[in-house]
Amino acid sequence: MAIRVVIGEDSAVVREGIQRMLERIDDIEVVSASADFPTLRAAIAESRPDVVLTDIRMPPTLTDEGIRIAVELRASAPDVGVVVLSQHVEPTYALALLEGGSSRRAYLLKERLRDSTELTRAIREVARGGSVIDPLVVDELVAARTARENSPLRELTESETAILGMIAQGLSNSAIADELVVTKRAVERHINAIFLKLGLRDAEDVSRRVKAALVYLADQQPA
């Protein structure tokens, strides 16, 4: 039997292009195509497809509708596969898509649509319970993880990390001491140790605090 697919894509040109591409594939049947999130949700409920092929961003908010529908289906219809298409490499969204498990989930860049082979492979894979993640997204995830593993923040103790977080919040040494119920001198010793471990030796104290805060905040960004 053919794999029944529902499409969600707000661009009429892209949506029609995908439809025409898939209509040429013998084992895939497009049963519905929607231009916004509410219509896509209704189409899924009505047609009960095997696979949902959706843009990551759709009206009405153009934010993360594709991820949201995948999360909903994980709970309401776990046997339905979801292939999410994205215009850009966005590892954070890929991680969100896979948070509940990789089974029946695929994340592809739209540039893969130039060749029907990649798209049809992803549809077939999620229909049978597997998963597909675009190699470029995997590269970004590995690079982000490697950067974190090599981060100088890994050299800090738990107390030093906590103090650096307070520095990033703009707290003074006195305020940090009050927060931790320690002496101001103890805080100063910790901060000097932080500066040394981060390689911040040859600058004024104010400049070093700013640089240390930037290192901390950069490390807190989603991978």
C-alpha atoms as a PDB file:
ATOM      1  CA  MET A   1       0.000   0.000   0.000  1.00  0.00           C
ATOM      2  CA  ALA A   2       1.087   3.582  -0.699  1.00  0.00           C
ATOM      3  CA  ILE A   3       2.405   5.782   2.102  1.00  0.00           C
ATOM      4  CA  ARG A   4      -0.270   8.417   2.723  1.00  0.00           C
ATOM      5  CA  VAL A   5       1.272  11.880   3.155  1.00  0.00           C
ATOM      6  CA  VAL A   6      -0.144  15.189   4.382  1.00  0.00           C
ATOM      7  CA  ILE A   7       1.843  18.302   3.424  1.00  0.00           C
ATOM      8  CA  GLY A   8       2.102  21.528   5.421  1.00  0.00           C
ATOM      9  CA  GLU A   9       3.858  24.393   3.599  1.00  0.00           C
ATOM     10  CA  ASP A  10       2.809  28.050   3.442  1.00  0.00           C
ATOM     11  CA  SER A  11       4.641  28.808   0.178  1.00  0.00           C
ATOM     12  CA  ALA A  12       2.334  27.919  -2.700  1.00  0.00           C
ATOM     13  CA  VAL A  13       5.256  27.435  -5.065  1.00  0.00           C
ATOM     14  CA  VAL A  14       7.084  25.061  -2.737  1.00  0.00           C
ATOM     15  CA  ARG A  15       3.893  23.255  -1.749  1.00  0.00           C
ATOM     16  CA  GLU A  16       2.883  22.611  -5.358  1.00  0.00           C
ATOM     17  CA  GLY A  17       6.436  21.611  -6.247  1.00  0.00           C
ATOM     18  CA  ILE A  18       6.493  19.013  -3.479  1.00  0.00           C
ATOM     19  CA  GLN A  19       3.099  17.697  -4.540  1.00  0.00           C
ATOM     20  CA  ARG A  20       4.183  17.271  -8.152  1.00  0.00           C
ATOM     21  CA  MET A  21       7.423  15.629  -7.061  1.00  0.00           C
ATOM     22  CA  LEU A  22       5.681  13.090  -4.818  1.00  0.00           C
ATOM     23  CA  GLU A  23       2.872  12.359  -7.271  1.00  0.00           C
ATOM     24  CA  ARG A  24       5.498  10.782  -9.527  1.00  0.00           C
ATOM     25  CA  ILE A  25       6.460   8.270  -6.811  1.00  0.00           C
ATOM     26  CA  ASP A  26       4.491   5.019  -7.005  1.00  0.00           C
ATOM     27  CA  ASP A  27       4.507   4.146  -3.306  1.00  0.00           C
ATOM     28  CA  ILE A  28       3.618   7.634  -2.000  1.00  0.00           C
ATOM     29  CA  GLU A  29       0.167   9.254  -2.083  1.00  0.00           C
ATOM     30  CA  VAL A  30      -0.417  12.917  -1.200  1.00  0.00           C
ATOM     31  CA  VAL A  31      -3.825  13.040   0.491  1.00  0.00           C
ATOM     32  CA  SER A  32      -3.841  16.694   1.584  1.00  0.00           C
ATOM     33  CA  ALA A  33      -1.830  19.927   1.389  1.00  0.00           C
ATOM     34  CA  SER A  34      -2.216  22.828   3.826  1.00  0.00           C
ATOM     35  CA  ALA A  35      -0.864  26.370   3.976  1.00  0.00           C
ATOM     36  CA  ASP A  36      -1.156  27.047   7.724  1.00  0.00           C
ATOM     37  CA  PHE A  37      -0.983  25.319  11.086  1.00  0.00           C
ATOM     38  CA  PRO A  38      -4.720  25.105  11.932  1.00  0.00           C
ATOM     39  CA  THR A  39      -5.572  23.702   8.496  1.00  0.00           C
ATOM     40  CA  LEU A  40      -2.723  21.200   8.719  1.00  0.00           C
ATOM     41  CA  ARG A  41      -3.867  20.028  12.140  1.00  0.00           C
ATOM     42  CA  ALA A  42      -7.433  19.562  10.851  1.00  0.00           C
ATOM     43  CA  ALA A  43      -6.201  17.684   7.769  1.00  0.00           C
ATOM     44  CA  ILE A  44      -4.201  15.283   9.929  1.00  0.00           C
ATOM     45  CA  ALA A  45      -7.190  14.596  12.164  1.00  0.00           C
ATOM     46  CA  GLU A  46      -9.433  13.958   9.158  1.00  0.00           C
ATOM     47  CA  SER A  47      -7.173  11.895   6.910  1.00  0.00           C
ATOM     48  CA  ARG A  48      -5.003  10.041   9.478  1.00  0.00           C
ATOM     49  CA  PRO A  49      -1.889   9.954   7.252  1.00  0.00           C
ATOM     50  CA  ASP A  50       1.138   7.727   7.591  1.00  0.00           C
ATOM     51  CA  VAL A  51       3.527  10.679   7.333  1.00  0.00           C
ATOM     52  CA  VAL A  52       3.256  14.439   7.829  1.00  0.00           C
ATOM     53  CA  LEU A  53       5.662  16.515   5.721  1.00  0.00           C
ATOM     54  CA  THR A  54       5.782  20.012   7.185  1.00  0.00           C
ATOM     55  CA  ASP A  55       7.722  23.240   7.032  1.00  0.00           C
ATOM     56  CA  ILE A  56       9.269  24.169  10.364  1.00  0.00           C
ATOM     57  CA  ARG A  57       7.575  27.601  10.236  1.00  0.00           C
ATOM     58  CA  MET A  58       3.975  28.176   9.161  1.00  0.00           C
ATOM     59  CA  PRO A  59       1.245  30.744   9.757  1.00  0.00           C
ATOM     60  CA  PRO A  60      -0.081  32.006  12.038  1.00  0.00           C
ATOM     61  CA  THR A  61       3.128  32.669  14.020  1.00  0.00           C
ATOM     62  CA  LEU A  62       5.833  31.529  11.564  1.00  0.00           C
ATOM     63  CA  THR A  63       7.949  30.239  14.456  1.00  0.00           C
ATOM     64  CA  ASP A  64       8.010  26.519  15.251  1.00  0.00           C
ATOM     65  CA  GLU A  65       4.701  25.101  14.009  1.00  0.00           C
ATOM     66  CA  GLY A  66       6.405  22.065  12.463  1.00  0.00           C
ATOM     67  CA  ILE A  67       8.018  21.134  15.771  1.00  0.00           C
ATOM     68  CA  ARG A  68       4.759  21.690  17.625  1.00  0.00           C
ATOM     69  CA  ILE A  69       2.792  19.373  15.361  1.00  0.00           C
ATOM     70  CA  ALA A  70       5.495  16.724  15.786  1.00  0.00           C
ATOM     71  CA  VAL A  71       5.261  17.026  19.581  1.00  0.00           C
ATOM     72  CA  GLU A  72       1.465  16.794  19.463  1.00  0.00           C
ATOM     73  CA  LEU A  73       1.555  13.703  17.272  1.00  0.00           C
ATOM     74  CA  ARG A  74       4.106  12.032  19.534  1.00  0.00           C
ATOM     75  CA  ALA A  75       1.367  11.971  22.164  1.00  0.00           C
ATOM     76  CA  SER A  76      -1.827  11.653  20.112  1.00  0.00           C
ATOM     77  CA  ALA A  77      -0.707   9.531  17.133  1.00  0.00           C
ATOM     78  CA  PRO A  78       2.748   7.973  17.784  1.00  0.00           C
ATOM     79  CA  ASP A  79       2.529   5.818  14.651  1.00  0.00           C
ATOM     80  CA  VAL A  80       2.463   8.878  12.375  1.00  0.00           C
ATOM     81  CA  GLY A  81       5.867   9.844  10.994  1.00  0.00           C
ATOM     82  CA  VAL A  82       6.915  13.495  10.713  1.00  0.00           C
ATOM     83  CA  VAL A  83       9.402  14.971   8.252  1.00  0.00           C
ATOM     84  CA  VAL A  84      10.275  18.569   9.156  1.00  0.00           C
ATOM     85  CA  LEU A  85      11.735  20.844   6.474  1.00  0.00           C
ATOM     86  CA  SER A  86      13.853  23.883   7.353  1.00  0.00           C
ATOM     87  CA  GLN A  87      15.338  26.681   5.269  1.00  0.00           C
ATOM     88  CA  HIS A  88      18.397  26.976   7.513  1.00  0.00           C
ATOM     89  CA  VAL A  89      20.620  24.786   9.673  1.00  0.00           C
ATOM     90  CA  GLU A  90      18.924  25.053  13.080  1.00  0.00           C
ATOM     91  CA  PRO A  91      20.318  22.454  15.516  1.00  0.00           C
ATOM     92  CA  THR A  92      18.143  23.717  18.370  1.00  0.00           C
ATOM     93  CA  TYR A  93      14.978  22.824  16.466  1.00  0.00           C
ATOM     94  CA  ALA A  94      16.436  19.446  15.509  1.00  0.00           C
ATOM     95  CA  LEU A  95      17.061  18.699  19.173  1.00  0.00           C
ATOM     96  CA  ALA A  96      13.508  19.778  20.035  1.00  0.00           C
ATOM     97  CA  LEU A  97      12.144  17.475  17.333  1.00  0.00           C
ATOM     98  CA  LEU A  98      14.078  14.520  18.746  1.00  0.00           C
ATOM     99  CA  GLU A  99      13.498  15.307  22.414  1.00  0.00           C
ATOM    100  CA  GLY A 100      10.815  12.637  22.761  1.00  0.00           C
ATOM    101  CA  GLY A 101      12.800  10.108  20.732  1.00  0.00           C
ATOM    102  CA  SER A 102      14.068   9.806  17.176  1.00  0.00           C
ATOM    103  CA  SER A 103      11.611   7.131  16.041  1.00  0.00           C
ATOM    104  CA  ARG A 104       9.507   8.239  13.042  1.00  0.00           C
ATOM    105  CA  ARG A 105      11.139  11.658  12.868  1.00  0.00           C
ATOM    106  CA  ALA A 106      13.196  13.328  10.125  1.00  0.00           C
ATOM    107  CA  TYR A 107      14.755  16.786   9.837  1.00  0.00           C
ATOM    108  CA  LEU A 108      15.844  17.920   6.367  1.00  0.00           C
ATOM    109  CA  LEU A 109      17.055  21.163   4.863  1.00  0.00           C
ATOM    110  CA  LYS A 110      14.882  22.466   2.045  1.00  0.00           C
ATOM    111  CA  GLU A 111      17.838  22.426  -0.293  1.00  0.00           C
ATOM    112  CA  ARG A 112      17.399  18.646  -0.357  1.00  0.00           C
ATOM    113  CA  LEU A 113      14.148  19.191  -2.285  1.00  0.00           C
ATOM    114  CA  ARG A 114      16.183  19.684  -5.445  1.00  0.00           C
ATOM    115  CA  ASP A 115      16.496  15.916  -5.548  1.00  0.00           C
ATOM    116  CA  SER A 116      13.447  13.762  -4.816  1.00  0.00           C
ATOM    117  CA  THR A 117      15.698  10.914  -3.662  1.00  0.00           C
ATOM    118  CA  GLU A 118      16.507  12.457  -0.266  1.00  0.00           C
ATOM    119  CA  LEU A 119      12.920  13.458   0.445  1.00  0.00           C
ATOM    120  CA  THR A 120      11.365  10.146  -0.563  1.00  0.00           C
ATOM    121  CA  ARG A 121      14.015   8.283   1.437  1.00  0.00           C
ATOM    122  CA  ALA A 122      13.104  10.299   4.541  1.00  0.00           C
ATOM    123  CA  ILE A 123       9.379   9.692   4.035  1.00  0.00           C
ATOM    124  CA  ARG A 124       9.863   5.953   3.645  1.00  0.00           C
ATOM    125  CA  GLU A 125      12.230   5.808   6.608  1.00  0.00           C
ATOM    126  CA  VAL A 126       9.914   7.523   9.095  1.00  0.00           C
ATOM    127  CA  ALA A 127       6.949   5.531   7.783  1.00  0.00           C
ATOM    128  CA  ARG A 128       8.746   2.334   8.788  1.00  0.00           C
ATOM    129  CA  GLY A 129       9.736   3.712  12.191  1.00  0.00           C
ATOM    130  CA  GLY A 130      13.210   5.036  11.492  1.00  0.00           C
ATOM    131  CA  SER A 131      14.731   8.504  11.526  1.00  0.00           C
ATOM    132  CA  VAL A 132      16.742  10.799   9.240  1.00  0.00           C
ATOM    133  CA  ILE A 133      18.702  13.913  10.209  1.00  0.00           C
ATOM    134  CA  ASP A 134      20.296  16.153   7.591  1.00  0.00           C
ATOM    135  CA  PRO A 135      24.100  15.692   7.617  1.00  0.00           C
ATOM    136  CA  LEU A 136      24.676  19.464   7.808  1.00  0.00           C
ATOM    137  CA  VAL A 137      22.582  19.653  10.981  1.00  0.00           C
ATOM    138  CA  VAL A 138      24.557  16.764  12.466  1.00  0.00           C
ATOM    139  CA  ASP A 139      27.788  18.629  11.650  1.00  0.00           C
ATOM    140  CA  GLU A 140      26.525  21.714  13.499  1.00  0.00           C
ATOM    141  CA  LEU A 141      25.509  19.662  16.538  1.00  0.00           C
ATOM    142  CA  VAL A 142      28.910  17.966  16.697  1.00  0.00           C
ATOM    143  CA  ALA A 143      30.721  21.296  16.327  1.00  0.00           C
ATOM    144  CA  ALA A 144      28.659  22.850  19.120  1.00  0.00           C
ATOM    145  CA  ARG A 145      29.293  19.912  21.424  1.00  0.00           C
ATOM    146  CA  THR A 146      33.016  19.951  20.669  1.00  0.00           C
ATOM    147  CA  ALA A 147      33.175  23.672  21.419  1.00  0.00           C
ATOM    148  CA  ARG A 148      31.510  23.098  24.759  1.00  0.00           C
ATOM    149  CA  GLU A 149      33.771  20.195  25.622  1.00  0.00           C
ATOM    150  CA  ASN A 150      36.773  22.435  24.912  1.00  0.00           C
ATOM    151  CA  SER A 151      35.337  25.386  26.813  1.00  0.00           C
ATOM    152  CA  PRO A 152      37.609  26.780  29.539  1.00  0.00           C
ATOM    153  CA  LEU A 153      34.531  26.853  31.783  1.00  0.00           C
ATOM    154  CA  ARG A 154      34.971  23.117  32.222  1.00  0.00           C
ATOM    155  CA  GLU A 155      38.028  23.903  34.333  1.00  0.00           C
ATOM    156  CA  LEU A 156      35.990  25.838  36.908  1.00  0.00           C
ATOM    157  CA  THR A 157      34.806  24.343  40.177  1.00  0.00           C
ATOM    158  CA  GLU A 158      31.103  24.329  41.034  1.00  0.00           C
ATOM    159  CA  SER A 159      31.560  27.352  43.308  1.00  0.00           C
ATOM    160  CA  GLU A 160      33.526  29.244  40.663  1.00  0.00           C
ATOM    161  CA  THR A 161      30.866  28.530  38.045  1.00  0.00           C
ATOM    162  CA  ALA A 162      28.166  29.839  40.387  1.00  0.00           C
ATOM    163  CA  ILE A 163      30.144  33.012  41.059  1.00  0.00           C
ATOM    164  CA  LEU A 164      30.804  33.540  37.354  1.00  0.00           C
ATOM    165  CA  GLY A 165      27.061  33.284  36.762  1.00  0.00           C
ATOM    166  CA  MET A 166      26.506  36.037  39.311  1.00  0.00           C
ATOM    167  CA  ILE A 167      29.175  38.185  37.651  1.00  0.00           C
ATOM    168  CA  ALA A 168      27.293  37.723  34.365  1.00  0.00           C
ATOM    169  CA  GLN A 169      24.164  38.981  36.141  1.00  0.00           C
ATOM    170  CA  GLY A 170      26.051  42.150  37.102  1.00  0.00           C
ATOM    171  CA  LEU A 171      26.420  41.458  40.823  1.00  0.00           C
ATOM    172  CA  SER A 172      29.255  43.155  42.692  1.00  0.00           C
ATOM    173  CA  ASN A 173      31.717  41.276  44.893  1.00  0.00           C
ATOM    174  CA  SER A 174      29.860  42.429  47.988  1.00  0.00           C
ATOM    175  CA  ALA A 175      26.513  41.287  46.580  1.00  0.00           C
ATOM    176  CA  ILE A 176      27.984  37.909  45.658  1.00  0.00           C
ATOM    177  CA  ALA A 177      29.408  37.543  49.167  1.00  0.00           C
ATOM    178  CA  ASP A 178      25.997  38.308  50.670  1.00  0.00           C
ATOM    179  CA  GLU A 179      24.311  35.838  48.325  1.00  0.00           C
ATOM    180  CA  LEU A 180      26.726  33.013  49.199  1.00  0.00           C
ATOM    181  CA  VAL A 181      27.093  34.017  52.867  1.00  0.00           C
ATOM    182  CA  VAL A 182      30.884  34.198  52.638  1.00  0.00           C
ATOM    183  CA  THR A 183      33.407  36.972  53.079  1.00  0.00           C
ATOM    184  CA  LYS A 184      34.160  39.463  50.349  1.00  0.00           C
ATOM    185  CA  ARG A 185      37.779  38.315  50.492  1.00  0.00           C
ATOM    186  CA  ALA A 186      36.719  34.730  49.736  1.00  0.00           C
ATOM    187  CA  VAL A 187      34.785  35.950  46.711  1.00  0.00           C
ATOM    188  CA  GLU A 188      37.824  37.885  45.492  1.00  0.00           C
ATOM    189  CA  ARG A 189      39.982  34.752  45.738  1.00  0.00           C
ATOM    190  CA  HIS A 190      37.443  32.789  43.713  1.00  0.00           C
ATOM    191  CA  ILE A 191      37.251  35.522  41.073  1.00  0.00           C
ATOM    192  CA  ASN A 192      41.032  35.680  40.736  1.00  0.00           C
ATOM    193  CA  ALA A 193      41.042  31.912  40.216  1.00  0.00           C
ATOM    194  CA  ILE A 194      38.327  32.265  37.565  1.00  0.00           C
ATOM    195  CA  PHE A 195      40.334  34.927  35.713  1.00  0.00           C
ATOM    196  CA  LEU A 196      43.425  32.706  35.729  1.00  0.00           C
ATOM    197  CA  LYS A 197      41.545  29.652  34.412  1.00  0.00           C
ATOM    198  CA  LEU A 198      39.936  31.729  31.668  1.00  0.00           C
ATOM    199  CA  GLY A 199      43.286  33.214  30.685  1.00  0.00           C
ATOM    200  CA  LEU A 200      42.280  36.758  31.672  1.00  0.00           C
ATOM    201  CA  ARG A 201      45.497  38.027  33.211  1.00  0.00           C
ATOM    202  CA  ASP A 202      46.569  41.214  31.475  1.00  0.00           C
ATOM    203  CA  ALA A 203      43.553  43.490  31.703  1.00  0.00           C
ATOM    204  CA  GLU A 204      41.911  45.771  34.212  1.00  0.00           C
ATOM    205  CA  ASP A 205      39.524  44.141  36.672  1.00  0.00           C
ATOM    206  CA  VAL A 206      36.445  45.722  35.075  1.00  0.00           C
ATOM    207  CA  SER A 207      37.482  44.538  31.607  1.00  0.00           C
ATOM    208  CA  ARG A 208      38.194  41.032  32.902  1.00  0.00           C
ATOM    209  CA  ARG A 209      34.757  40.873  34.532  1.00  0.00           C
ATOM    210  CA  VAL A 210      33.107  41.809  31.247  1.00  0.00           C
ATOM    211  CA  LYS A 211      35.131  39.276  29.261  1.00  0.00           C
ATOM    212  CA  ALA A 212      34.464  36.544  31.808  1.00  0.00           C
ATOM    213  CA  ALA A 213      30.747  37.304  31.670  1.00  0.00           C
ATOM    214  CA  LEU A 214      30.788  37.078  27.869  1.00  0.00           C
ATOM    215  CA  VAL A 215      32.494  33.674  27.984  1.00  0.00           C
ATOM    216  CA  TYR A 216      29.847  32.456  30.428  1.00  0.00           C
ATOM    217  CA  LEU A 217      26.899  33.791  28.432  1.00  0.00           C
ATOM    218  CA  ALA A 218      28.217  32.379  25.159  1.00  0.00           C
ATOM    219  CA  ASP A 219      28.487  28.946  26.761  1.00  0.00           C
ATOM    220  CA  GLN A 220      24.871  29.134  27.916  1.00  0.00           C
ATOM    221  CA  GLN A 221      23.517  29.517  24.404  1.00  0.00           C
ATOM    222  CA  PRO A 222      21.597  26.476  23.099  1.00  0.00           C
ATOM    223  CA  ALA A 223      23.762  24.058  21.164  1.00  0.00           C
END
